[in-house]
């Protein structure tokens, strides 16, 4: 029997208040800790991932490089590095950018209610995407992504559309710190 992943339940200040099974958390719409990783190449293009068709929600939609939930007792940034390896077969330095809370009802009657920690990194190199997680990946210029989100918002995940404007601004700050 496969054990269901446990999520960290938090209060509105991101303090842990308990744990619960992942699907139950999303069915009940309980606030839980999550993270989103946004990657850029040295030309300033952002990596987008198209989620695999077998994902339990937001399947086939375009989103940031990777996202998930830390395990109970796992540091959030360490979890972000873990998921980069699991989803894309890579790792790179990450910079904490910002955190935000959002609540969205998904079409399959699940609710995403997350305290999302956003990390930004720069990566140049090969990828080895996990096909059970990732349908495709590609780097795109920020302006192209902005246009696509405006023209076809239904092709992107809810959290991506919420985080993208802030990530765009944070990238300008972080870019100067990581540039050679």
N, C-alpha and C. Protein backbone atom coordinates (compact mmCIF):
# COMPACT_ATOMS: atom_id res chain seq x y z
N UNK A 1 0.84 -1.19 0.00
CA UNK A 1 0.00 0.00 0.00
C UNK A 1 0.88 1.24 0.00
N UNK A 2 0.59 2.18 -0.91
CA UNK A 2 1.35 3.42 -1.00
C UNK A 2 0.79 4.39 0.04
N UNK A 3 1.72 4.97 0.82
CA UNK A 3 1.28 5.93 1.83
C UNK A 3 1.08 7.30 1.19
N UNK A 4 -0.02 7.92 1.49
CA UNK A 4 -0.36 9.25 0.99
C UNK A 4 0.61 10.27 1.58
N UNK A 5 1.04 11.23 0.75
CA UNK A 5 1.92 12.30 1.22
C UNK A 5 1.20 13.16 2.26
N UNK A 6 1.90 13.46 3.33
CA UNK A 6 1.36 14.34 4.37
C UNK A 6 1.79 15.77 4.09
N UNK A 7 0.86 16.71 4.24
CA UNK A 7 1.15 18.13 4.06
C UNK A 7 1.19 18.83 5.40
N UNK A 8 1.89 19.96 5.42
CA UNK A 8 2.01 20.78 6.62
C UNK A 8 0.88 21.80 6.61
N UNK A 9 -0.03 21.70 7.56
CA UNK A 9 -1.10 22.69 7.72
C UNK A 9 -0.52 23.88 8.46
N UNK A 10 -0.89 25.08 8.03
CA UNK A 10 -0.37 26.30 8.65
C UNK A 10 -1.50 27.28 8.95
N UNK A 11 -1.18 28.26 9.81
CA UNK A 11 -2.13 29.35 10.04
C UNK A 11 -1.80 30.48 9.07
N UNK A 12 -2.48 31.61 9.19
CA UNK A 12 -2.31 32.72 8.25
C UNK A 12 -0.96 33.42 8.37
N UNK A 13 -0.11 32.96 9.33
CA UNK A 13 1.25 33.50 9.47
C UNK A 13 2.30 32.45 9.13
N UNK A 14 1.88 31.35 8.52
CA UNK A 14 2.73 30.25 8.11
C UNK A 14 3.32 29.48 9.30
N UNK A 15 2.64 29.50 10.42
CA UNK A 15 3.03 28.67 11.56
C UNK A 15 2.36 27.31 11.43
N UNK A 16 3.14 26.25 11.62
CA UNK A 16 2.58 24.90 11.51
C UNK A 16 1.53 24.67 12.59
N UNK A 17 0.37 24.12 12.17
CA UNK A 17 -0.71 23.80 13.12
C UNK A 17 -1.08 22.32 13.07
N UNK A 18 -0.42 21.56 12.19
CA UNK A 18 -0.71 20.13 12.10
C UNK A 18 -0.30 19.57 10.76
N UNK A 19 -0.69 18.33 10.51
CA UNK A 19 -0.43 17.67 9.23
C UNK A 19 -1.69 16.91 8.82
N UNK A 20 -1.79 16.65 7.53
CA UNK A 20 -2.93 15.89 7.02
C UNK A 20 -2.57 15.34 5.65
N UNK A 21 -3.26 14.28 5.23
CA UNK A 21 -3.03 13.70 3.92
C UNK A 21 -3.36 14.70 2.81
N UNK A 22 -2.53 14.69 1.78
CA UNK A 22 -2.59 15.66 0.69
C UNK A 22 -3.97 15.78 0.04
N UNK A 23 -4.55 14.67 -0.37
CA UNK A 23 -5.85 14.75 -1.05
C UNK A 23 -6.93 15.29 -0.13
N UNK A 24 -6.89 14.89 1.13
CA UNK A 24 -7.89 15.38 2.10
C UNK A 24 -7.76 16.89 2.28
N UNK A 25 -6.53 17.37 2.35
CA UNK A 25 -6.28 18.82 2.49
C UNK A 25 -6.90 19.57 1.32
N UNK A 26 -6.72 19.05 0.11
CA UNK A 26 -7.25 19.72 -1.08
C UNK A 26 -8.77 19.56 -1.20
N UNK A 27 -9.31 18.49 -0.69
CA UNK A 27 -10.77 18.32 -0.69
C UNK A 27 -11.43 19.29 0.29
N UNK A 28 -10.80 19.47 1.45
CA UNK A 28 -11.36 20.35 2.49
C UNK A 28 -10.96 21.82 2.29
N UNK A 29 -9.96 22.07 1.47
CA UNK A 29 -9.50 23.43 1.23
C UNK A 29 -8.82 24.04 2.44
N UNK A 30 -7.94 23.27 3.09
CA UNK A 30 -7.24 23.75 4.28
C UNK A 30 -5.93 24.43 3.89
N UNK A 31 -5.57 25.47 4.63
CA UNK A 31 -4.35 26.23 4.37
C UNK A 31 -3.13 25.35 4.67
N UNK A 32 -2.22 25.26 3.70
CA UNK A 32 -1.04 24.42 3.84
C UNK A 32 0.17 25.08 3.18
N UNK A 33 1.36 24.62 3.59
CA UNK A 33 2.61 25.18 3.08
C UNK A 33 2.95 24.57 1.73
N UNK A 34 3.44 25.43 0.85
CA UNK A 34 3.82 25.01 -0.50
C UNK A 34 5.00 25.86 -0.96
N UNK A 35 5.53 25.52 -2.12
CA UNK A 35 6.58 26.34 -2.72
C UNK A 35 6.45 26.30 -4.23
N UNK A 36 6.97 27.33 -4.86
CA UNK A 36 7.01 27.43 -6.32
C UNK A 36 8.40 27.90 -6.71
N UNK A 37 9.00 27.22 -7.68
CA UNK A 37 10.33 27.58 -8.17
C UNK A 37 10.19 28.14 -9.58
N UNK A 38 10.77 29.30 -9.79
CA UNK A 38 10.82 29.95 -11.10
C UNK A 38 12.28 29.97 -11.54
N UNK A 39 12.57 29.46 -12.73
CA UNK A 39 13.93 29.44 -13.24
C UNK A 39 14.04 30.32 -14.48
N UNK A 40 15.22 30.94 -14.59
CA UNK A 40 15.55 31.78 -15.74
C UNK A 40 16.86 31.28 -16.32
N UNK A 41 17.07 31.51 -17.61
CA UNK A 41 18.39 31.26 -18.19
C UNK A 41 19.17 32.57 -18.18
N UNK A 42 20.41 32.54 -18.64
CA UNK A 42 21.24 33.75 -18.58
C UNK A 42 20.79 34.84 -19.56
N UNK A 43 19.91 34.48 -20.49
CA UNK A 43 19.33 35.49 -21.39
C UNK A 43 18.09 36.15 -20.78
N UNK A 44 17.72 35.73 -19.58
CA UNK A 44 16.57 36.32 -18.91
C UNK A 44 15.24 35.70 -19.30
N UNK A 45 15.27 34.57 -20.00
CA UNK A 45 14.03 33.88 -20.36
C UNK A 45 13.60 33.00 -19.20
N UNK A 46 12.29 32.87 -19.03
CA UNK A 46 11.74 32.06 -17.93
C UNK A 46 11.39 30.67 -18.44
N UNK A 47 11.70 29.67 -17.61
CA UNK A 47 11.35 28.30 -17.93
C UNK A 47 9.89 28.04 -17.57
N UNK A 48 9.13 27.53 -18.52
CA UNK A 48 7.77 27.10 -18.26
C UNK A 48 7.71 25.58 -18.38
N UNK A 49 6.90 25.00 -17.52
CA UNK A 49 6.66 23.57 -17.54
C UNK A 49 5.18 23.33 -17.88
N UNK A 50 4.93 22.41 -18.77
CA UNK A 50 3.56 21.98 -19.00
C UNK A 50 3.36 20.71 -18.17
N UNK A 51 2.39 20.77 -17.27
CA UNK A 51 2.15 19.66 -16.35
C UNK A 51 1.64 18.43 -17.11
N UNK A 52 2.09 17.27 -16.65
CA UNK A 52 1.68 16.01 -17.27
C UNK A 52 0.16 15.86 -17.22
N UNK A 53 -0.37 15.10 -18.16
CA UNK A 53 -1.82 14.91 -18.24
C UNK A 53 -2.38 14.06 -17.11
N UNK A 54 -1.53 13.33 -16.39
CA UNK A 54 -2.01 12.48 -15.29
C UNK A 54 -1.97 13.17 -13.92
N UNK A 55 -1.64 14.45 -13.87
CA UNK A 55 -1.60 15.17 -12.60
C UNK A 55 -3.02 15.25 -12.02
N UNK A 56 -3.11 15.23 -10.68
CA UNK A 56 -4.42 15.17 -10.05
C UNK A 56 -5.20 16.49 -10.15
N UNK A 57 -4.53 17.56 -10.47
CA UNK A 57 -5.23 18.81 -10.82
C UNK A 57 -4.34 19.64 -11.74
N UNK A 58 -4.94 20.54 -12.46
CA UNK A 58 -4.24 21.44 -13.39
C UNK A 58 -3.41 20.68 -14.43
N UNK A 59 -3.86 19.50 -14.77
CA UNK A 59 -3.16 18.67 -15.76
C UNK A 59 -3.11 19.36 -17.11
N UNK A 60 -1.95 19.29 -17.76
CA UNK A 60 -1.78 19.86 -19.09
C UNK A 60 -1.61 21.37 -19.12
N UNK A 61 -1.70 22.03 -17.98
CA UNK A 61 -1.55 23.49 -17.95
C UNK A 61 -0.08 23.88 -17.84
N UNK A 62 0.22 25.08 -18.32
CA UNK A 62 1.58 25.64 -18.22
C UNK A 62 1.74 26.31 -16.87
N UNK A 63 2.95 26.20 -16.33
CA UNK A 63 3.23 26.75 -15.01
C UNK A 63 4.73 27.01 -14.87
N UNK A 64 5.14 27.37 -13.67
CA UNK A 64 6.55 27.62 -13.37
C UNK A 64 7.35 26.32 -13.40
N UNK A 65 8.67 26.44 -13.22
CA UNK A 65 9.59 25.30 -13.36
C UNK A 65 9.16 24.10 -12.53
N UNK A 66 8.85 24.30 -11.27
CA UNK A 66 8.32 23.22 -10.44
C UNK A 66 7.65 23.80 -9.20
N UNK A 67 6.81 23.00 -8.59
CA UNK A 67 6.13 23.41 -7.37
C UNK A 67 5.67 22.15 -6.64
N UNK A 68 5.51 22.29 -5.34
CA UNK A 68 5.07 21.15 -4.55
C UNK A 68 4.89 21.59 -3.10
N UNK A 69 5.02 20.61 -2.21
CA UNK A 69 4.85 20.83 -0.77
C UNK A 69 6.01 20.21 -0.03
N UNK A 70 6.52 20.89 1.00
CA UNK A 70 7.55 20.24 1.84
C UNK A 70 6.90 19.15 2.69
N UNK A 71 7.68 18.12 2.99
CA UNK A 71 7.23 17.08 3.90
C UNK A 71 7.31 17.60 5.33
N UNK A 72 6.49 17.09 6.24
CA UNK A 72 6.63 17.47 7.65
C UNK A 72 8.08 17.27 8.11
N UNK A 73 8.65 18.30 8.74
CA UNK A 73 10.03 18.25 9.21
C UNK A 73 11.06 18.62 8.16
N UNK A 74 10.64 18.87 6.92
CA UNK A 74 11.56 19.22 5.84
C UNK A 74 11.59 20.73 5.65
N UNK A 75 12.76 21.29 5.55
CA UNK A 75 12.93 22.71 5.26
C UNK A 75 12.34 23.01 3.87
N UNK A 76 11.68 24.14 3.73
CA UNK A 76 10.99 24.47 2.48
C UNK A 76 11.97 24.61 1.32
N UNK A 77 13.09 25.26 1.53
CA UNK A 77 14.06 25.41 0.44
C UNK A 77 14.66 24.05 0.07
N UNK A 78 14.92 23.21 1.06
CA UNK A 78 15.43 21.86 0.78
C UNK A 78 14.40 21.08 -0.05
N UNK A 79 13.13 21.26 0.24
CA UNK A 79 12.07 20.61 -0.53
C UNK A 79 12.05 21.12 -1.97
N UNK A 80 12.31 22.40 -2.16
CA UNK A 80 12.35 22.96 -3.51
C UNK A 80 13.49 22.31 -4.32
N UNK A 81 14.65 22.13 -3.69
CA UNK A 81 15.77 21.46 -4.37
C UNK A 81 15.42 20.00 -4.67
N UNK A 82 14.75 19.34 -3.72
CA UNK A 82 14.34 17.95 -3.92
C UNK A 82 13.43 17.83 -5.16
N UNK A 83 12.45 18.74 -5.24
CA UNK A 83 11.50 18.66 -6.36
C UNK A 83 12.14 19.03 -7.70
N UNK A 84 13.12 19.94 -7.70
CA UNK A 84 13.83 20.22 -8.95
C UNK A 84 14.46 18.94 -9.49
N UNK A 85 15.06 18.17 -8.59
CA UNK A 85 15.68 16.90 -9.00
C UNK A 85 14.62 15.89 -9.44
N UNK A 86 13.52 15.79 -8.68
CA UNK A 86 12.48 14.80 -8.99
C UNK A 86 11.73 15.13 -10.28
N UNK A 87 11.44 16.41 -10.52
CA UNK A 87 10.65 16.78 -11.69
C UNK A 87 11.48 17.03 -12.94
N UNK A 88 12.62 17.73 -12.77
CA UNK A 88 13.40 18.16 -13.94
C UNK A 88 14.77 17.52 -14.04
N UNK A 89 15.19 16.76 -13.02
CA UNK A 89 16.48 16.11 -13.04
C UNK A 89 17.65 17.07 -12.91
N UNK A 90 17.43 18.20 -12.25
CA UNK A 90 18.48 19.23 -12.10
C UNK A 90 18.53 19.76 -10.67
N UNK A 91 19.52 20.58 -10.41
CA UNK A 91 19.56 21.39 -9.19
C UNK A 91 20.36 22.64 -9.51
N UNK A 92 20.08 23.71 -8.78
CA UNK A 92 20.79 24.97 -8.97
C UNK A 92 20.56 25.83 -7.74
N UNK A 93 21.38 26.86 -7.53
CA UNK A 93 21.14 27.76 -6.40
C UNK A 93 19.77 28.43 -6.54
N UNK A 94 19.09 28.57 -5.41
CA UNK A 94 17.78 29.23 -5.38
C UNK A 94 17.83 30.42 -4.43
N UNK A 95 17.09 31.45 -4.78
CA UNK A 95 17.01 32.67 -3.97
C UNK A 95 15.57 32.85 -3.51
N UNK A 96 15.33 32.96 -2.19
CA UNK A 96 13.97 33.23 -1.73
C UNK A 96 13.53 34.59 -2.29
N UNK A 97 12.36 34.62 -2.90
CA UNK A 97 11.88 35.85 -3.54
C UNK A 97 10.78 36.52 -2.71
N UNK A 98 9.73 35.78 -2.38
CA UNK A 98 8.61 36.29 -1.61
C UNK A 98 7.71 35.12 -1.27
N UNK A 99 6.75 35.37 -0.41
CA UNK A 99 5.71 34.38 -0.08
C UNK A 99 4.36 35.06 -0.24
N UNK A 100 3.35 34.26 -0.57
CA UNK A 100 2.00 34.81 -0.66
C UNK A 100 1.00 33.70 -0.37
N UNK A 101 -0.19 34.13 0.02
CA UNK A 101 -1.26 33.19 0.33
C UNK A 101 -2.34 33.34 -0.73
N UNK A 102 -2.87 32.22 -1.19
CA UNK A 102 -3.96 32.28 -2.16
C UNK A 102 -4.90 31.11 -1.95
N UNK A 103 -6.13 31.30 -2.41
CA UNK A 103 -7.16 30.27 -2.33
C UNK A 103 -7.90 30.24 -3.66
N UNK A 104 -7.93 29.07 -4.30
CA UNK A 104 -8.56 28.93 -5.61
C UNK A 104 -9.32 27.61 -5.65
N UNK A 105 -10.57 27.68 -6.11
CA UNK A 105 -11.34 26.46 -6.35
C UNK A 105 -10.97 25.94 -7.73
N UNK A 106 -10.62 24.67 -7.79
CA UNK A 106 -10.22 24.04 -9.04
C UNK A 106 -11.41 23.34 -9.69
N UNK A 107 -11.37 23.13 -11.00
CA UNK A 107 -12.51 22.53 -11.69
C UNK A 107 -12.91 21.14 -11.18
N UNK A 108 -11.97 20.38 -10.61
CA UNK A 108 -12.29 19.03 -10.17
C UNK A 108 -12.76 18.98 -8.70
N UNK A 109 -13.28 20.08 -8.22
CA UNK A 109 -13.84 20.20 -6.87
C UNK A 109 -12.79 20.12 -5.77
N UNK A 110 -11.53 20.33 -6.13
CA UNK A 110 -10.47 20.46 -5.14
C UNK A 110 -10.23 21.95 -4.91
N UNK A 111 -9.63 22.26 -3.78
CA UNK A 111 -9.34 23.66 -3.43
C UNK A 111 -7.87 23.78 -3.09
N UNK A 112 -7.19 24.70 -3.77
CA UNK A 112 -5.81 25.04 -3.43
C UNK A 112 -5.88 26.24 -2.49
N UNK A 113 -5.42 26.05 -1.26
CA UNK A 113 -5.35 27.13 -0.28
C UNK A 113 -3.95 27.03 0.30
N UNK A 114 -3.04 27.83 -0.27
CA UNK A 114 -1.63 27.65 0.02
C UNK A 114 -0.96 28.91 0.54
N UNK A 115 0.00 28.68 1.42
CA UNK A 115 0.99 29.68 1.81
C UNK A 115 2.20 29.29 0.96
N UNK A 116 2.40 29.99 -0.15
CA UNK A 116 3.36 29.62 -1.17
C UNK A 116 4.65 30.41 -1.04
N UNK A 117 5.77 29.69 -0.86
CA UNK A 117 7.10 30.28 -0.78
C UNK A 117 7.69 30.23 -2.19
N UNK A 118 8.05 31.38 -2.73
CA UNK A 118 8.52 31.47 -4.10
C UNK A 118 10.05 31.63 -4.12
N UNK A 119 10.68 30.80 -4.93
CA UNK A 119 12.14 30.83 -5.11
C UNK A 119 12.45 31.09 -6.58
N UNK A 120 13.55 31.80 -6.80
CA UNK A 120 14.00 32.10 -8.16
C UNK A 120 15.43 31.61 -8.31
N UNK A 121 15.72 31.00 -9.46
CA UNK A 121 17.06 30.52 -9.74
C UNK A 121 17.41 30.74 -11.20
N UNK A 122 18.70 30.58 -11.49
CA UNK A 122 19.21 30.66 -12.86
C UNK A 122 19.81 29.31 -13.19
N UNK A 123 19.43 28.77 -14.33
CA UNK A 123 19.95 27.46 -14.72
C UNK A 123 20.23 27.43 -16.21
N UNK A 124 21.42 26.99 -16.55
CA UNK A 124 21.83 26.73 -17.93
C UNK A 124 22.29 25.28 -17.95
N UNK A 125 21.74 24.49 -18.77
CA UNK A 125 22.19 23.11 -18.85
C UNK A 125 21.09 22.19 -19.32
N UNK A 126 21.38 20.91 -19.26
CA UNK A 126 20.45 19.90 -19.72
C UNK A 126 19.41 19.59 -18.65
N UNK A 127 18.27 19.15 -19.09
CA UNK A 127 17.19 18.72 -18.22
C UNK A 127 16.94 17.23 -18.45
N UNK A 128 16.41 16.58 -17.44
CA UNK A 128 15.98 15.19 -17.56
C UNK A 128 14.58 15.10 -16.93
N UNK A 129 13.57 15.65 -17.61
CA UNK A 129 12.22 15.73 -17.02
C UNK A 129 11.62 14.35 -16.72
N UNK A 130 10.95 14.28 -15.59
CA UNK A 130 10.22 13.09 -15.18
C UNK A 130 8.89 13.11 -15.95
N UNK A 131 8.70 12.15 -16.84
CA UNK A 131 7.52 12.16 -17.72
C UNK A 131 6.21 11.95 -16.98
N UNK A 132 6.24 11.42 -15.76
CA UNK A 132 5.00 11.30 -15.00
C UNK A 132 4.61 12.63 -14.37
N UNK A 133 5.53 13.60 -14.38
CA UNK A 133 5.28 14.93 -13.81
C UNK A 133 5.16 16.01 -14.88
N UNK A 134 5.97 15.88 -15.92
CA UNK A 134 6.19 16.97 -16.88
C UNK A 134 5.89 16.51 -18.30
N UNK A 135 5.02 17.23 -19.00
CA UNK A 135 4.73 16.94 -20.40
C UNK A 135 5.78 17.58 -21.30
N UNK A 136 6.11 18.85 -21.02
CA UNK A 136 7.15 19.53 -21.80
C UNK A 136 7.67 20.74 -21.02
N UNK A 137 8.82 21.23 -21.46
CA UNK A 137 9.42 22.43 -20.86
C UNK A 137 9.99 23.29 -21.98
N UNK A 138 10.06 24.60 -21.72
CA UNK A 138 10.65 25.52 -22.69
C UNK A 138 10.91 26.86 -22.01
N UNK A 139 11.99 27.51 -22.43
CA UNK A 139 12.27 28.88 -21.98
C UNK A 139 11.57 29.85 -22.92
N UNK A 140 10.98 30.91 -22.35
CA UNK A 140 10.32 31.94 -23.14
C UNK A 140 10.68 33.31 -22.60
N UNK A 141 10.73 34.32 -23.48
CA UNK A 141 10.92 35.70 -23.00
C UNK A 141 9.73 36.11 -22.14
N UNK A 142 10.00 36.94 -21.15
CA UNK A 142 8.96 37.41 -20.21
C UNK A 142 7.80 38.06 -20.97
N UNK A 143 8.11 38.87 -21.98
CA UNK A 143 7.05 39.57 -22.72
C UNK A 143 6.12 38.57 -23.42
N UNK A 144 6.68 37.50 -23.93
CA UNK A 144 5.87 36.46 -24.58
C UNK A 144 4.92 35.82 -23.56
N UNK A 145 5.45 35.51 -22.39
CA UNK A 145 4.63 34.89 -21.34
C UNK A 145 3.51 35.85 -20.92
N UNK A 146 3.85 37.12 -20.74
CA UNK A 146 2.84 38.13 -20.38
C UNK A 146 1.70 38.14 -21.40
N UNK A 147 2.05 38.14 -22.68
CA UNK A 147 1.04 38.16 -23.75
C UNK A 147 0.17 36.90 -23.70
N UNK A 148 0.81 35.75 -23.53
CA UNK A 148 0.08 34.49 -23.52
C UNK A 148 -0.87 34.39 -22.32
N UNK A 149 -0.43 34.88 -21.17
CA UNK A 149 -1.29 34.86 -19.98
C UNK A 149 -2.51 35.76 -20.20
N UNK A 150 -2.31 36.89 -20.88
CA UNK A 150 -3.44 37.79 -21.16
C UNK A 150 -4.39 37.21 -22.21
N UNK A 151 -3.83 36.61 -23.26
CA UNK A 151 -4.64 36.09 -24.36
C UNK A 151 -5.29 34.75 -24.02
N UNK A 152 -4.54 33.88 -23.34
CA UNK A 152 -5.00 32.51 -23.05
C UNK A 152 -4.83 32.16 -21.57
N UNK A 153 -5.48 32.89 -20.67
CA UNK A 153 -5.27 32.62 -19.23
C UNK A 153 -5.64 31.21 -18.81
N UNK A 154 -6.55 30.58 -19.55
CA UNK A 154 -6.99 29.22 -19.21
C UNK A 154 -5.92 28.16 -19.48
N UNK A 155 -4.81 28.54 -20.11
CA UNK A 155 -3.72 27.59 -20.37
C UNK A 155 -2.69 27.55 -19.25
N UNK A 156 -2.86 28.39 -18.21
CA UNK A 156 -1.89 28.51 -17.14
C UNK A 156 -2.51 28.15 -15.79
N UNK A 157 -1.68 27.66 -14.87
CA UNK A 157 -2.17 27.32 -13.54
C UNK A 157 -2.54 28.59 -12.77
N UNK A 158 -3.44 28.42 -11.83
CA UNK A 158 -3.91 29.55 -11.02
C UNK A 158 -2.77 30.22 -10.27
N UNK A 159 -1.91 29.42 -9.63
CA UNK A 159 -0.83 30.01 -8.83
C UNK A 159 0.19 30.72 -9.70
N UNK A 160 0.41 30.22 -10.92
CA UNK A 160 1.35 30.88 -11.83
C UNK A 160 0.85 32.29 -12.15
N UNK A 161 -0.43 32.40 -12.50
CA UNK A 161 -0.99 33.70 -12.86
C UNK A 161 -0.94 34.69 -11.69
N UNK A 162 -1.04 34.19 -10.47
CA UNK A 162 -0.98 35.06 -9.29
C UNK A 162 0.46 35.48 -8.98
N UNK A 163 1.40 34.57 -9.11
CA UNK A 163 2.79 34.85 -8.74
C UNK A 163 3.57 35.58 -9.83
N UNK A 164 3.23 35.33 -11.09
CA UNK A 164 4.01 35.84 -12.22
C UNK A 164 4.32 37.34 -12.15
N UNK A 165 3.35 38.22 -11.89
CA UNK A 165 3.68 39.66 -11.86
C UNK A 165 4.76 40.01 -10.83
N UNK A 166 4.69 39.40 -9.65
CA UNK A 166 5.71 39.66 -8.63
C UNK A 166 7.04 39.05 -9.00
N UNK A 167 7.03 37.86 -9.58
CA UNK A 167 8.26 37.20 -9.99
C UNK A 167 8.98 38.06 -11.02
N UNK A 168 8.23 38.60 -11.94
CA UNK A 168 8.80 39.45 -12.99
C UNK A 168 9.59 40.61 -12.36
N UNK A 169 9.00 41.25 -11.35
CA UNK A 169 9.67 42.37 -10.68
C UNK A 169 10.85 41.90 -9.84
N UNK A 170 10.70 40.79 -9.12
CA UNK A 170 11.78 40.25 -8.28
C UNK A 170 12.95 39.81 -9.14
N UNK A 171 12.68 39.27 -10.32
CA UNK A 171 13.74 38.81 -11.20
C UNK A 171 14.70 39.95 -11.50
N UNK A 172 14.20 41.15 -11.70
CA UNK A 172 15.06 42.30 -12.00
C UNK A 172 16.03 42.56 -10.84
N UNK A 173 15.57 42.41 -9.59
CA UNK A 173 16.44 42.57 -8.42
C UNK A 173 17.45 41.44 -8.34
N UNK A 174 16.97 40.22 -8.43
CA UNK A 174 17.83 39.04 -8.25
C UNK A 174 18.82 38.91 -9.39
N UNK A 175 18.43 39.31 -10.58
CA UNK A 175 19.30 39.21 -11.77
C UNK A 175 20.61 39.95 -11.53
N UNK A 176 20.56 41.09 -10.89
CA UNK A 176 21.78 41.85 -10.65
C UNK A 176 22.69 41.15 -9.62
N UNK A 177 22.09 40.37 -8.72
CA UNK A 177 22.87 39.64 -7.72
C UNK A 177 23.55 38.41 -8.30
N UNK A 178 22.95 37.80 -9.32
CA UNK A 178 23.47 36.54 -9.84
C UNK A 178 24.21 36.70 -11.17
N UNK A 179 24.22 37.89 -11.73
CA UNK A 179 24.90 38.11 -13.01
C UNK A 179 26.42 38.05 -12.81
N UNK A 180 27.13 37.50 -13.81
CA UNK A 180 28.60 37.41 -13.70
C UNK A 180 29.26 38.77 -13.72
